[in-house]
Amino acid sequence: MNALQTYRAAVVGCGDISVVHLAALRKLELAELVAVCDVDPVAREAAATAHGVPGYSSVEELLANEQVDVVHVCTPHDQHAPVIIACLEAGVNVLTEKPLAESLASADRVIAAEAASSAKLGVCFQNRYNAPVRIARERLSSGEFGTIRGGAGTVMWTRTPAYYASKPWRGTWANSGGGLLMNQAIHTVDLLQWLVGPVERVDGAAHTRALADSIEVEDTADMLLTHAGGATSIFYATNAHTINDSVLVEVVTDTAVFRIGEDLTIAHTDGRTERITPAPASSDGRDYWGTSHEDLIRDFYSQLGSDEGFWISADEARRSLEIIADVYDQSYPERTQPKEQ
């Protein structure tokens, strides 16, 4: 494949997050949107009309009628695994929204399908592409700050009963696989384990404090994470705040504290402070989602012609899912398990 290769793309799932993917595809010279897919005829027709492409009611119908190179998976969580696996088995590359799947069992089925396929799979942990995060990762990896001793992450957002009523799958174990941790805070869980190091032990608790009349899953959670090498991180997240506040991540080293939010502050133990305010990325969607979807999507397409797998693979994405599953096992041992697809 040469540098001018154009890949035929389809989006499966035409809900809120698909808007970000569709906008990115419009700007991407390497991609051409050729179809959309959704089980909801209203959502399907609206997206098909808006983008001037055919709409299909199932991934099987899509694959049978369109020659596609990449499928973007933007469905409810419990439909991630079946759609991903159908595409990988057909030799079609996949870029999926988080989480990788609604359960570890489904995630492992995806990992097996990825290993058996010639196609590539990428997972949208777009906040790894946020400029303050990238710069922090580079500086931490340089070794100039000594040993990483620990970290912290906070996510304080708001979700109302109306949010869940509008799309009831979001508030159930069977369809979403969880609540706050799976749907909102998984990005910050991912950043903590990526920046501080692999997690070896999870001590956590999840609760339904504000929305018990509306959902069966959690709206608040806290964790103590023990990383390989002995570093520890603390984590707190809630959907019971009155606003969608900025996500904060801290990493503590021998000689400095990194504070990562909308910018990056490095407070050195000798009293110096560095403040780095990079230009923000320009993705559509809500700012508090993270603004680097477009960067991730462009990077995924740029690597399709190589022999290497995408760096945020199924194995990589399973790490945050495993941490969250540990918290659920500790907090909701009798929860309704998602059905096998």
Protein backbone atom coordinates (compact mmCIF):
# COMPACT_ATOMS: atom_id res chain seq x y z
CA MET A 1 0.00 0.00 0.00
CA ASN A 2 1.31 3.43 -0.83
CA ALA A 3 1.01 6.70 1.07
CA LEU A 4 -2.04 7.70 -1.00
CA GLN A 5 -4.06 4.62 -0.05
CA THR A 6 -7.66 5.51 0.80
CA TYR A 7 -9.49 3.18 3.17
CA ARG A 8 -13.23 2.54 2.94
CA ALA A 9 -14.76 3.10 6.36
CA ALA A 10 -18.08 2.31 8.02
CA VAL A 11 -19.46 3.34 11.41
CA VAL A 12 -21.50 0.81 13.38
CA GLY A 13 -23.62 2.49 16.04
CA CYS A 14 -24.98 5.97 15.39
CA GLY A 15 -25.28 7.31 18.94
CA ASP A 16 -23.51 10.18 20.71
CA ILE A 17 -19.90 9.05 20.29
CA SER A 18 -20.34 8.28 16.59
CA VAL A 19 -20.51 12.04 15.99
CA VAL A 20 -16.82 12.29 16.93
CA HIS A 21 -15.81 9.44 14.60
CA LEU A 22 -17.89 10.73 11.70
CA ALA A 23 -16.43 14.23 12.05
CA ALA A 24 -12.89 12.85 12.13
CA LEU A 25 -13.51 10.75 9.02
CA ARG A 26 -14.70 13.83 7.13
CA LYS A 27 -11.33 15.49 7.77
CA LEU A 28 -9.16 12.44 7.11
CA GLU A 29 -7.62 12.15 3.65
CA LEU A 30 -6.85 8.47 4.19
CA ALA A 31 -10.51 7.55 4.79
CA GLU A 32 -13.75 7.52 2.84
CA LEU A 33 -17.01 6.92 4.70
CA VAL A 34 -19.06 4.41 2.69
CA ALA A 35 -21.77 3.24 5.12
CA VAL A 36 -23.34 3.49 8.55
CA CYS A 37 -25.11 0.83 10.59
CA ASP A 38 -27.54 0.85 13.52
CA VAL A 39 -30.36 -1.37 14.75
CA ASP A 40 -32.43 1.77 15.44
CA PRO A 41 -34.04 2.79 12.13
CA VAL A 42 -34.40 6.43 13.18
CA ALA A 43 -30.74 6.83 14.16
CA ARG A 44 -29.65 4.84 11.11
CA GLU A 45 -31.66 6.92 8.65
CA ALA A 46 -30.57 10.20 10.22
CA ALA A 47 -26.88 9.31 9.93
CA ALA A 48 -27.24 7.87 6.43
CA THR A 49 -29.04 10.98 5.20
CA ALA A 50 -26.64 13.39 6.89
CA HIS A 51 -23.59 11.73 5.32
CA GLY A 52 -25.05 10.56 2.01
CA VAL A 53 -24.20 6.88 2.48
CA PRO A 54 -26.24 3.66 2.74
CA GLY A 55 -27.51 2.54 6.14
CA TYR A 56 -27.63 -1.07 7.34
CA SER A 57 -29.42 -2.70 10.25
CA SER A 58 -26.71 -5.23 11.18
CA VAL A 59 -22.98 -5.71 10.80
CA GLU A 60 -23.66 -8.93 8.87
CA GLU A 61 -25.75 -7.00 6.33
CA LEU A 62 -23.07 -4.32 6.13
CA LEU A 63 -20.26 -6.79 5.48
CA ALA A 64 -22.31 -8.68 2.91
CA ASN A 65 -23.12 -5.58 0.88
CA GLU A 66 -20.13 -3.25 1.26
CA GLN A 67 -16.42 -3.68 0.64
CA VAL A 68 -15.02 -2.02 3.75
CA ASP A 69 -11.47 -1.74 5.07
CA VAL A 70 -12.21 -0.30 8.53
CA VAL A 71 -15.23 -0.51 10.82
CA HIS A 72 -15.61 1.97 13.68
CA VAL A 73 -17.53 0.35 16.57
CA CYS A 74 -19.64 2.90 18.47
CA THR A 75 -22.35 0.58 19.82
CA PRO A 76 -23.52 -0.10 23.39
CA HIS A 77 -20.88 -2.04 25.32
CA ASP A 78 -22.49 -5.48 25.10
CA GLN A 79 -22.40 -5.26 21.30
CA HIS A 80 -18.69 -4.43 21.05
CA ALA A 81 -17.44 -8.02 21.11
CA PRO A 82 -19.90 -9.51 18.56
CA VAL A 83 -19.34 -6.67 16.08
CA ILE A 84 -15.55 -6.68 16.51
CA ILE A 85 -15.31 -10.45 16.12
CA ALA A 86 -17.54 -10.49 13.02
CA CYS A 87 -15.31 -7.89 11.39
CA LEU A 88 -12.01 -9.52 12.37
CA GLU A 89 -13.21 -12.88 11.07
CA ALA A 90 -14.06 -11.15 7.77
CA GLY A 91 -10.54 -9.66 7.62
CA VAL A 92 -11.79 -6.12 8.26
CA ASN A 93 -9.80 -3.73 10.46
CA VAL A 94 -11.59 -2.42 13.56
CA LEU A 95 -11.34 0.74 15.64
CA THR A 96 -13.59 0.37 18.67
CA GLU A 97 -14.74 2.69 21.39
CA LYS A 98 -13.89 1.83 24.96
CA PRO A 99 -14.37 -0.44 26.79
CA LEU A 100 -12.98 -3.32 24.77
CA ALA A 101 -16.01 -5.35 25.87
CA GLU A 102 -18.64 -5.46 28.61
CA SER A 103 -16.88 -8.29 30.49
CA LEU A 104 -13.51 -9.98 30.75
CA ALA A 105 -14.93 -13.13 29.16
CA SER A 106 -16.04 -11.17 26.09
CA ALA A 107 -12.73 -9.30 26.03
CA ASP A 108 -10.84 -12.58 25.91
CA ARG A 109 -12.94 -13.72 22.97
CA VAL A 110 -11.97 -10.51 21.17
CA ILE A 111 -8.29 -11.05 21.99
CA ALA A 112 -8.46 -14.55 20.53
CA ALA A 113 -10.17 -13.25 17.39
CA GLU A 114 -7.53 -10.53 17.01
CA ALA A 115 -4.74 -13.10 17.28
CA ALA A 116 -6.36 -15.28 14.61
CA SER A 117 -7.05 -12.45 12.16
CA SER A 118 -4.87 -10.67 9.62
CA ALA A 119 -6.81 -7.48 10.37
CA LYS A 120 -5.83 -4.84 12.94
CA LEU A 121 -7.74 -3.79 16.05
CA GLY A 122 -7.41 -0.47 17.87
CA VAL A 123 -9.18 0.76 21.00
CA CYS A 124 -10.08 4.40 21.63
CA PHE A 125 -8.21 5.49 24.71
CA GLN A 126 -7.83 8.90 23.12
CA ASN A 127 -6.67 10.65 26.29
CA ARG A 128 -3.27 9.00 25.85
CA TYR A 129 -2.94 11.41 22.90
CA ASN A 130 -3.73 14.54 24.93
CA ALA A 131 -0.66 16.76 24.74
CA PRO A 132 -0.15 17.13 28.55
CA VAL A 133 -0.36 13.34 28.92
CA ARG A 134 2.05 12.67 26.05
CA ILE A 135 4.59 15.15 27.38
CA ALA A 136 4.31 13.75 30.91
CA ARG A 137 4.82 10.21 29.62
CA GLU A 138 7.93 11.26 27.68
CA ARG A 139 9.43 13.11 30.64
CA LEU A 140 8.65 10.30 33.08
CA SER A 141 10.16 7.71 30.71
CA SER A 142 13.40 9.68 30.43
CA GLY A 143 14.47 8.66 33.93
CA GLU A 144 15.44 12.21 34.90
CA PHE A 145 12.95 12.26 37.78
CA GLY A 146 14.04 9.01 39.43
CA THR A 147 11.60 6.35 40.58
CA ILE A 148 7.86 6.75 40.22
CA ARG A 149 6.48 6.45 43.75
CA GLY A 150 2.75 6.70 43.12
CA GLY A 151 -0.14 8.57 41.61
CA ALA A 152 -3.70 9.80 41.95
CA GLY A 153 -6.69 10.29 39.69
CA THR A 154 -10.02 12.08 40.15
CA VAL A 155 -13.10 12.20 37.94
CA MET A 156 -15.97 14.33 39.23
CA TRP A 157 -18.75 14.55 36.69
CA THR A 158 -22.52 14.74 36.68
CA ARG A 159 -25.08 12.38 35.17
CA THR A 160 -28.83 12.74 35.71
CA PRO A 161 -31.64 10.19 35.71
CA ALA A 162 -32.64 11.61 32.30
CA TYR A 163 -29.22 10.65 30.90
CA TYR A 164 -29.87 7.01 31.73
CA ALA A 165 -33.56 7.08 30.80
CA SER A 166 -32.69 8.30 27.30
CA LYS A 167 -30.56 5.18 26.69
CA PRO A 168 -31.45 2.57 29.31
CA TRP A 169 -28.58 0.23 28.36
CA ARG A 170 -26.21 2.60 30.15
CA GLY A 171 -27.58 1.78 33.61
CA THR A 172 -27.50 -2.02 33.53
CA TRP A 173 -24.97 -4.74 34.25
CA ALA A 174 -26.12 -6.85 31.32
CA ASN A 175 -25.79 -4.20 28.62
CA SER A 176 -23.18 -1.76 29.92
CA GLY A 177 -21.16 -4.14 32.08
CA GLY A 178 -21.05 -1.45 34.78
CA GLY A 179 -21.65 2.23 35.35
CA LEU A 180 -19.35 5.13 36.14
CA LEU A 181 -16.16 3.07 35.90
CA MET A 182 -17.01 1.46 32.56
CA ASN A 183 -18.68 4.41 30.91
CA GLN A 184 -16.84 7.50 32.14
CA ALA A 185 -13.85 6.90 34.43
CA ILE A 186 -12.21 4.06 32.49
CA HIS A 187 -10.05 6.60 30.64
CA THR A 188 -8.51 7.83 33.90
CA VAL A 189 -8.02 4.28 35.18
CA ASP A 190 -6.18 3.60 31.92
CA LEU A 191 -3.95 6.65 32.31
CA LEU A 192 -2.97 5.73 35.88
CA GLN A 193 -1.87 2.23 34.93
CA TRP A 194 -0.15 3.52 31.77
CA LEU A 195 1.77 6.33 33.51
CA VAL A 196 2.53 4.74 36.89
CA GLY A 197 2.89 1.13 35.77
CA PRO A 198 1.03 -2.19 35.53
CA VAL A 199 -1.36 -2.84 38.42
CA GLU A 200 -0.77 -5.95 40.55
CA ARG A 201 -3.41 -5.43 43.26
CA VAL A 202 -6.72 -3.59 43.44
CA ASP A 203 -8.48 -2.63 46.69
CA GLY A 204 -11.64 -0.81 45.72
CA ALA A 205 -15.28 -0.11 46.36
CA ALA A 206 -18.12 1.03 44.12
CA HIS A 207 -21.46 2.42 45.26
CA THR A 208 -24.77 3.67 43.89
CA ARG A 209 -25.08 6.78 46.04
CA ALA A 210 -27.10 9.32 44.03
CA LEU A 211 -28.92 7.37 41.31
CA ALA A 212 -30.19 4.23 43.01
CA ASP A 213 -33.73 4.94 41.80
CA SER A 214 -32.53 5.16 38.18
CA ILE A 215 -29.73 2.61 37.66
CA GLU A 216 -28.53 -0.75 38.96
CA VAL A 217 -24.83 0.05 38.44
CA GLU A 218 -22.46 2.32 40.35
CA ASP A 219 -22.24 6.12 40.26
CA THR A 220 -19.29 6.49 42.67
CA ALA A 221 -16.07 4.53 43.23
CA ASP A 222 -12.69 4.65 44.96
CA MET A 223 -9.57 2.49 44.68
CA LEU A 224 -6.11 1.90 46.06
CA LEU A 225 -3.93 0.47 43.29
CA THR A 226 -0.62 -1.30 43.92
CA HIS A 227 1.64 -1.18 40.89
CA ALA A 228 4.52 -3.41 39.86
CA GLY A 229 7.58 -2.24 41.76
CA GLY A 230 5.58 -1.12 44.79
CA ALA A 231 4.21 2.28 43.74
CA THR A 232 0.64 2.98 44.89
CA SER A 233 -2.11 5.13 43.40
CA ILE A 234 -5.36 6.44 44.81
CA PHE A 235 -8.42 6.99 42.66
CA TYR A 236 -11.82 8.60 43.18
CA ALA A 237 -14.64 9.07 40.70
CA THR A 238 -18.29 10.06 40.87
CA ASN A 239 -21.21 10.98 38.64
CA ALA A 240 -22.89 12.76 41.56
CA HIS A 241 -21.11 16.11 41.14
CA THR A 242 -23.09 19.18 40.07
CA ILE A 243 -20.85 19.85 37.05
CA ASN A 244 -18.49 18.00 34.72
CA ASP A 245 -15.24 19.08 36.34
CA SER A 246 -11.79 18.68 34.83
CA VAL A 247 -10.17 15.28 35.19
CA LEU A 248 -6.93 15.38 37.19
CA VAL A 249 -4.07 12.89 37.24
CA GLU A 250 -0.99 13.16 39.47
CA VAL A 251 2.24 11.19 39.29
CA VAL A 252 4.71 11.43 42.19
CA THR A 253 8.40 10.75 41.57
CA ASP A 254 11.57 11.03 43.66
CA THR A 255 12.16 14.63 42.55
CA ALA A 256 8.86 16.05 41.30
CA VAL A 257 5.08 15.88 41.24
CA PHE A 258 3.40 15.86 37.82
CA ARG A 259 -0.12 17.33 37.74
CA ILE A 260 -1.94 16.60 34.49
CA GLY A 261 -5.18 18.37 33.64
CA GLU A 262 -5.89 20.84 30.89
CA ASP A 263 -2.18 21.63 31.11
CA LEU A 264 0.85 19.98 32.72
CA THR A 265 2.51 21.29 35.87
CA ILE A 266 5.75 19.77 37.15
CA ALA A 267 6.51 20.82 40.73
CA HIS A 268 10.15 20.01 41.48
CA THR A 269 11.27 19.24 45.03
CA ASP A 270 13.90 22.01 44.74
CA GLY A 271 11.12 24.61 44.44
CA ARG A 272 11.10 25.07 40.66
CA THR A 273 7.80 24.78 38.81
CA GLU A 274 7.34 24.06 35.12
CA ARG A 275 3.97 24.82 33.55
CA ILE A 276 3.39 23.50 30.04
CA THR A 277 0.23 24.58 28.23
CA PRO A 278 0.14 22.91 24.82
CA ALA A 279 -2.33 23.90 22.13
CA PRO A 280 -5.40 21.65 22.53
CA ALA A 281 -6.29 19.02 19.96
CA SER A 282 -9.39 19.67 17.84
CA SER A 283 -11.86 16.82 18.08
CA ASP A 284 -15.61 17.27 17.94
CA GLY A 285 -17.67 16.27 20.97
CA ARG A 286 -17.58 17.37 24.58
CA ASP A 287 -14.28 18.74 25.89
CA TYR A 288 -14.38 16.69 29.08
CA TRP A 289 -14.34 13.47 27.00
CA GLY A 290 -10.78 14.33 25.99
CA THR A 291 -10.00 16.21 22.82
CA SER A 292 -7.75 13.79 20.98
CA HIS A 293 -10.08 11.37 19.20
CA GLU A 294 -9.07 12.85 15.88
CA ASP A 295 -5.36 12.35 16.62
CA LEU A 296 -5.91 8.72 17.57
CA ILE A 297 -8.07 7.99 14.53
CA ARG A 298 -5.53 9.59 12.19
CA ASP A 299 -2.73 7.57 13.81
CA PHE A 300 -4.70 4.33 13.44
CA TYR A 301 -5.22 4.89 9.72
CA SER A 302 -1.61 5.94 9.19
CA GLN A 303 -0.45 2.57 10.57
CA LEU A 304 -2.76 0.35 8.53
CA GLY A 305 -0.16 -0.14 5.83
CA SER A 306 2.49 -1.41 8.25
CA ASP A 307 3.10 -4.93 9.54
CA GLU A 308 2.85 -3.76 13.15
CA GLY A 309 -0.32 -4.01 15.23
CA PHE A 310 -1.87 -0.84 16.61
CA TRP A 311 -0.25 0.09 19.91
CA ILE A 312 -3.54 0.34 21.85
CA SER A 313 -4.49 -3.26 21.15
CA ALA A 314 -7.00 -5.63 22.74
CA ASP A 315 -4.36 -6.86 25.22
CA GLU A 316 -3.49 -3.28 26.13
CA ALA A 317 -7.17 -2.32 26.58
CA ARG A 318 -7.85 -5.35 28.78
CA ARG A 319 -5.67 -3.92 31.56
CA SER A 320 -8.13 -1.21 32.62
CA LEU A 321 -11.04 -3.62 32.21
CA GLU A 322 -9.37 -6.07 34.60
CA ILE A 323 -8.89 -3.35 37.24
CA ILE A 324 -12.56 -2.39 37.02
CA ALA A 325 -13.70 -6.02 37.16
CA ASP A 326 -11.70 -6.43 40.39
CA VAL A 327 -13.62 -3.53 41.95
CA TYR A 328 -16.95 -4.98 40.82
CA ASP A 329 -16.06 -8.40 42.23
CA GLN A 330 -15.34 -6.76 45.59
CA SER A 331 -18.42 -4.52 45.58
CA TYR A 332 -21.15 -6.35 43.64
CA PRO A 333 -20.34 -10.08 43.85
CA GLU A 334 -23.96 -11.02 43.15
CA ARG A 335 -24.39 -8.69 40.17
CA THR A 336 -26.09 -9.91 37.01
CA GLN A 337 -23.32 -11.02 34.69
CA PRO A 338 -23.51 -9.94 31.03
CA LYS A 339 -24.79 -12.70 28.78
CA GLU A 340 -22.29 -14.43 26.50
CA GLN A 341 -22.69 -13.25 22.93
